[in-house]
Protein backbone atom coordinates (compact mmCIF):
# COMPACT_ATOMS: atom_id res chain seq x y z
CA MET A 1 -20.30 -18.85 -4.12
CA SER A 2 -16.47 -19.83 -4.26
CA PRO A 3 -14.56 -19.27 -7.55
CA ASP A 4 -13.87 -22.27 -9.71
CA MET A 5 -10.32 -23.22 -9.07
CA THR A 6 -10.03 -26.47 -10.91
CA ASP A 7 -7.85 -24.96 -13.47
CA SER A 8 -4.30 -25.27 -12.13
CA GLY A 9 -3.16 -22.84 -15.01
CA LEU A 10 -2.22 -19.13 -14.53
CA ASP A 11 -5.88 -18.02 -15.34
CA ILE A 12 -6.35 -17.86 -11.57
CA PHE A 13 -3.91 -14.96 -11.47
CA SER A 14 -5.47 -12.96 -14.27
CA LEU A 15 -7.12 -9.89 -13.52
CA LYS A 16 -9.31 -9.46 -16.79
CA GLY A 17 -12.58 -8.17 -16.16
CA LYS A 18 -11.74 -6.81 -12.67
CA THR A 19 -11.83 -2.96 -11.86
CA VAL A 20 -8.90 -2.21 -9.57
CA LEU A 21 -8.59 1.23 -7.70
CA VAL A 22 -5.15 2.10 -6.32
CA THR A 23 -4.75 5.05 -4.09
CA GLY A 24 -1.02 6.30 -4.02
CA ALA A 25 -0.96 5.29 -7.43
CA MET A 26 2.11 7.76 -8.33
CA GLY A 27 4.38 6.56 -5.15
CA LEU A 28 7.35 4.18 -5.49
CA ILE A 29 5.27 0.93 -5.04
CA GLY A 30 2.06 2.18 -6.68
CA SER A 31 3.43 3.32 -10.00
CA GLU A 32 5.38 -0.16 -10.32
CA THR A 33 2.39 -2.44 -9.10
CA SER A 34 -0.27 -0.28 -11.24
CA ALA A 35 1.45 -1.44 -14.14
CA ALA A 36 1.74 -4.95 -13.12
CA LEU A 37 -1.91 -5.08 -12.33
CA SER A 38 -2.97 -3.67 -15.70
CA ALA A 39 -0.50 -6.00 -17.36
CA ALA A 40 -2.46 -8.71 -15.63
CA GLY A 41 -5.61 -7.23 -17.32
CA ALA A 42 -7.26 -5.10 -14.88
CA GLU A 43 -9.21 -1.97 -15.49
CA MET A 44 -7.31 0.58 -13.53
CA VAL A 45 -8.64 3.64 -11.27
CA LEU A 46 -5.37 5.39 -10.43
CA VAL A 47 -5.74 7.67 -7.48
CA ASP A 48 -3.30 10.41 -6.08
CA GLN A 49 -3.20 13.69 -4.87
CA PHE A 50 -1.53 15.23 -8.04
CA PRO A 51 -3.52 16.87 -10.55
CA GLU A 52 -5.48 14.57 -13.07
CA ASP A 53 -3.74 15.53 -16.07
CA GLU A 54 -0.20 14.55 -14.36
CA ILE A 55 -1.49 11.35 -13.25
CA SER A 56 -3.02 10.42 -16.75
CA ALA A 57 0.15 11.66 -18.56
CA TYR A 58 2.65 9.57 -16.44
CA PHE A 59 0.31 6.39 -16.86
CA SER A 60 -0.28 6.80 -20.52
CA LYS A 61 3.46 6.29 -20.90
CA HIS A 62 4.02 3.93 -17.85
CA ILE A 63 1.32 1.35 -18.64
CA SER A 64 1.38 1.99 -22.58
CA GLY A 65 0.98 -1.15 -24.50
CA ASN A 66 -1.62 -2.58 -21.91
CA GLU A 67 -5.05 -3.25 -23.43
CA ALA A 68 -6.98 -2.56 -20.25
CA PRO A 69 -8.32 0.97 -19.98
CA PHE A 70 -7.51 3.41 -16.74
CA LEU A 71 -8.95 6.30 -15.10
CA ALA A 72 -7.07 8.96 -13.46
CA VAL A 73 -8.46 10.64 -10.38
CA SER A 74 -7.13 13.35 -8.06
CA ALA A 75 -8.17 12.91 -4.44
CA ASP A 76 -7.55 13.74 -0.91
CA ILE A 77 -7.94 10.91 1.30
CA THR A 78 -8.25 12.73 4.15
CA ASP A 79 -11.41 14.71 2.73
CA ARG A 80 -14.45 12.48 2.76
CA ASP A 81 -16.05 14.36 0.09
CA SER A 82 -13.15 14.08 -2.25
CA VAL A 83 -13.09 10.24 -1.42
CA GLY A 84 -16.86 9.95 -2.07
CA SER A 85 -16.42 11.64 -5.39
CA MET A 86 -13.40 9.24 -6.04
CA THR A 87 -15.59 6.10 -5.59
CA THR A 88 -18.48 7.56 -7.51
CA ARG A 89 -16.27 8.48 -10.36
CA ALA A 90 -14.95 4.97 -10.61
CA VAL A 91 -18.24 3.44 -10.65
CA ASP A 92 -19.60 5.75 -13.09
CA ARG A 93 -16.61 4.80 -15.51
CA PHE A 94 -16.49 1.04 -14.97
CA GLY A 95 -19.79 0.00 -13.17
CA LYS A 96 -18.06 -1.67 -10.07
CA ILE A 97 -14.93 -1.64 -7.98
CA ASP A 98 -13.63 -5.39 -7.53
CA VAL A 99 -10.41 -4.58 -6.14
CA LEU A 100 -8.97 -1.72 -3.64
CA LEU A 101 -5.19 -1.43 -3.24
CA HIS A 102 -4.75 1.21 -0.58
CA LEU A 103 -1.08 2.43 -0.83
CA ALA A 104 -1.60 6.13 0.05
CA ALA A 105 0.41 6.84 3.24
CA ILE A 106 2.90 9.43 4.62
CA ASP A 107 6.08 8.82 6.72
CA ALA A 108 7.61 11.43 8.53
CA LYS A 109 11.28 10.59 7.68
CA PHE A 110 14.34 12.45 8.79
CA ASP A 111 17.40 12.95 7.00
CA ALA A 112 20.82 11.98 8.25
CA ASP A 113 21.85 15.57 8.16
CA ALA A 114 18.97 16.83 10.11
CA PRO A 115 19.61 19.50 12.65
CA ASP A 116 19.61 19.15 16.38
CA GLY A 117 16.12 18.43 17.79
CA ALA A 118 14.89 17.13 14.42
CA ASP A 119 16.17 13.41 14.42
CA GLY A 120 12.95 11.63 15.07
CA ARG A 121 13.23 11.04 18.90
CA PHE A 122 10.37 10.40 20.76
CA GLU A 123 10.72 12.91 23.50
CA THR A 124 11.04 15.73 20.84
CA PHE A 125 8.68 14.36 18.03
CA PRO A 126 6.40 17.37 16.78
CA LEU A 127 2.84 16.95 17.46
CA ASP A 128 1.89 18.19 14.23
CA LEU A 129 3.66 15.48 12.43
CA TRP A 130 2.07 13.08 14.92
CA GLN A 131 -1.36 14.54 13.95
CA ARG A 132 -0.65 14.44 10.31
CA SER A 133 0.38 10.74 10.20
CA ILE A 134 -2.94 10.04 12.06
CA ASP A 135 -4.94 12.03 9.51
CA VAL A 136 -3.39 10.29 6.53
CA ASN A 137 -2.54 6.94 7.68
CA ILE A 138 -5.41 6.17 10.03
CA THR A 139 -8.32 8.36 9.19
CA GLY A 140 -7.50 8.46 5.44
CA THR A 141 -7.60 4.58 5.48
CA PHE A 142 -10.96 4.64 7.29
CA ASN A 143 -12.32 7.18 4.64
CA VAL A 144 -11.37 5.27 1.82
CA THR A 145 -12.21 1.82 3.02
CA GLN A 146 -15.61 3.00 4.29
CA SER A 147 -16.43 4.45 0.93
CA ILE A 148 -15.19 1.42 -0.95
CA CYS A 149 -16.89 -1.08 1.29
CA ASN A 150 -20.25 0.59 0.75
CA GLN A 151 -19.86 0.04 -2.92
CA MET A 152 -18.76 -3.59 -2.41
CA LEU A 153 -21.85 -4.24 -0.35
CA LYS A 154 -23.91 -3.22 -3.17
CA GLN A 155 -21.94 -5.58 -5.47
CA ASP A 156 -22.22 -8.57 -2.95
CA SER A 157 -18.41 -8.88 -3.72
CA GLY A 158 -15.02 -7.26 -3.22
CA ASN A 159 -11.40 -7.65 -2.40
CA ILE A 160 -9.41 -4.92 -0.24
CA ILE A 161 -5.73 -4.86 0.13
CA LEU A 162 -4.17 -2.67 2.63
CA THR A 163 -0.38 -1.67 3.32
CA ALA A 164 1.07 -2.41 6.54
CA SER A 165 4.79 -2.79 7.24
CA THR A 166 7.27 -5.06 9.25
CA TYR A 167 6.91 -2.11 11.86
CA SER A 168 3.37 -3.22 12.35
CA LEU A 169 4.73 -6.56 13.56
CA VAL A 170 8.05 -5.56 15.26
CA GLY A 171 9.83 -2.52 16.61
CA PRO A 172 12.32 -0.74 14.70
CA ASN A 173 16.09 -1.49 15.17
CA ASN A 174 17.43 1.82 15.24
CA ASP A 175 20.87 0.74 14.52
CA LEU A 176 19.68 0.57 10.93
CA TYR A 177 19.48 4.41 10.90
CA ASN A 178 22.76 5.31 12.19
CA ALA A 179 24.77 7.09 9.71
CA PRO A 180 28.57 7.31 9.76
CA PRO A 181 30.18 10.57 11.04
CA PRO A 182 29.50 13.36 10.50
CA GLY A 183 25.86 12.41 10.33
CA ASN A 184 23.77 12.84 13.19
CA PRO A 185 22.32 9.78 14.99
CA MET A 186 18.82 9.23 14.16
CA VAL A 187 15.79 6.68 15.01
CA LYS A 188 12.66 5.51 13.19
CA PRO A 189 9.96 8.25 14.11
CA VAL A 190 7.13 6.90 16.28
CA ASP A 191 4.26 8.22 14.02
CA TYR A 192 4.86 5.74 11.31
CA VAL A 193 5.11 2.68 13.71
CA ALA A 194 2.10 3.64 15.52
CA THR A 195 -0.15 4.33 12.39
CA LYS A 196 1.19 1.44 10.52
CA SER A 197 0.53 -0.94 13.51
CA PHE A 198 -3.21 0.02 13.22
CA ILE A 199 -3.42 -1.90 9.87
CA PRO A 200 -3.13 -5.65 10.70
CA ASN A 201 -5.96 -5.45 13.26
CA TYR A 202 -8.14 -3.19 11.11
CA THR A 203 -7.71 -5.58 8.39
CA ARG A 204 -8.83 -8.49 10.72
CA TYR A 205 -11.76 -6.28 11.82
CA LEU A 206 -12.99 -5.81 8.30
CA ALA A 207 -12.31 -9.19 7.11
CA THR A 208 -14.52 -10.92 9.75
CA HIS A 209 -17.03 -8.24 9.77
CA TYR A 210 -17.75 -8.57 5.98
CA ALA A 211 -16.69 -12.27 5.13
CA LYS A 212 -20.20 -13.46 4.61
CA GLN A 213 -21.00 -10.51 2.44
CA GLY A 214 -18.43 -11.76 -0.18
CA ILE A 215 -15.63 -8.93 0.90
CA ARG A 216 -12.21 -10.27 1.39
CA VAL A 217 -9.69 -7.96 3.26
CA ASN A 218 -6.01 -8.66 3.62
CA CYS A 219 -2.89 -6.46 4.00
CA ILE A 220 0.68 -6.66 2.81
CA ALA A 221 3.63 -5.90 5.00
CA PRO A 222 6.77 -4.86 2.98
CA HIS A 223 10.12 -3.66 4.20
CA GLY A 224 13.36 -2.24 2.95
CA VAL A 225 12.18 -1.34 -0.63
CA GLU A 226 14.95 0.48 -2.13
CA ASN A 227 14.60 3.86 -3.28
CA GLU A 228 18.13 5.72 -4.01
CA ASN A 229 19.01 4.92 -0.30
CA PRO A 230 22.48 6.12 0.56
CA ASP A 231 25.09 3.43 0.54
CA TRP A 232 25.52 3.40 4.35
CA PHE A 233 21.86 2.65 4.76
CA LYS A 234 22.07 -0.25 2.40
CA GLU A 235 24.98 -1.55 3.95
CA ASN A 236 23.34 -1.39 7.58
CA PHE A 237 20.23 -3.06 6.11
CA GLY A 238 22.39 -5.98 4.50
CA LYS A 239 23.90 -6.86 7.71
CA MET A 240 20.60 -7.01 9.49
CA SER A 241 18.58 -8.94 6.80
CA PRO A 242 18.54 -12.71 6.36
CA MET A 243 18.77 -12.13 2.74
CA GLY A 244 21.36 -9.49 2.92
CA ARG A 245 19.76 -6.96 0.79
CA MET A 246 16.97 -4.53 0.41
CA SER A 247 13.96 -5.36 -1.75
CA SER A 248 13.45 -3.91 -5.23
CA VAL A 249 9.94 -2.61 -5.74
CA SER A 250 9.21 -5.10 -8.58
CA GLU A 251 9.62 -7.97 -5.97
CA LEU A 252 6.27 -6.84 -4.62
CA ASN A 253 4.37 -7.19 -7.93
CA GLY A 254 4.04 -10.95 -7.61
CA PRO A 255 2.46 -10.94 -4.13
CA LEU A 256 0.03 -7.96 -4.89
CA VAL A 257 -1.41 -9.60 -8.21
CA PHE A 258 -1.68 -12.66 -6.13
CA LEU A 259 -3.75 -11.02 -3.56
CA ALA A 260 -5.76 -9.03 -6.06
CA SER A 261 -6.47 -12.23 -8.22
CA ASP A 262 -8.73 -15.42 -7.66
CA ALA A 263 -5.50 -17.19 -6.64
CA SER A 264 -5.97 -15.84 -3.04
CA SER A 265 -9.66 -16.52 -3.06
CA TYR A 266 -9.62 -18.28 0.35
CA MET A 267 -7.49 -15.65 1.96
CA THR A 268 -9.01 -12.96 4.32
CA GLY A 269 -7.95 -11.44 7.49
CA SER A 270 -4.35 -12.19 6.57
CA THR A 271 -0.91 -10.29 6.66
CA LEU A 272 1.17 -11.15 3.87
CA VAL A 273 4.66 -10.44 4.99
CA VAL A 274 7.35 -9.67 2.21
CA ASP A 275 10.46 -8.75 4.18
CA GLY A 276 13.37 -10.73 2.91
CA GLY A 277 13.17 -12.66 6.47
CA TRP A 278 13.55 -9.32 8.45
CA THR A 279 10.99 -10.61 10.94
CA ALA A 280 12.06 -14.16 11.08
CA TRP A 281 14.82 -13.67 13.60
């Protein structure tokens, strides 16, 4: 049954009564968005690889004042038993999982002062970093979504939000990563581009596979979220972006609350691009 969308007010963006599980909750996007989802009324399951007392202590302060309760869970998304325990604990606490926001991922970044041979170039990219990105960004995503899908099938409903990237849609412009002298020239490493490119089509697969079972699956493709980047990088980014600047992390709150809420009830299999127009030219 489709939700009642006759009320044109802001209630369709409310998450009251919904349980939202966030992986990568302690990350740059996860910490900010978890607070926004909690403020919208969601009961939160906050998952990261850190010890649970650290997760709990952080969010006790970070989402203080919000009435909705939360559960802190330490989990390794590359370990199927750990992921299964995560799902079981969430359901034991809240009885259901309405929304999965899967943010956990790694990006094998290379610093501007990286030594020769460690600049991210394809021809010298280390196999161990390639495999690690596959383990986390692809297999980890599979582990989490498979576990959560099994729970959502029992509920006959659910909403999954995965995290792609503009590099799921276009190749990197490596001029962005050119630091001024004496920094070494860099390129965006292949592991991130390859593993994030998996997300949009994986989203479409799950969306069409489970649409008639009441499970929606979408992904978001952010780009250029500012995180104490050096001035030269922000200057390069500004020259290449139609909006002329990087994104603040808070600018993802609205899109993600929208995807988590009933306001997006007729969306599935979609990639919501939030990139300041980067992929528009």
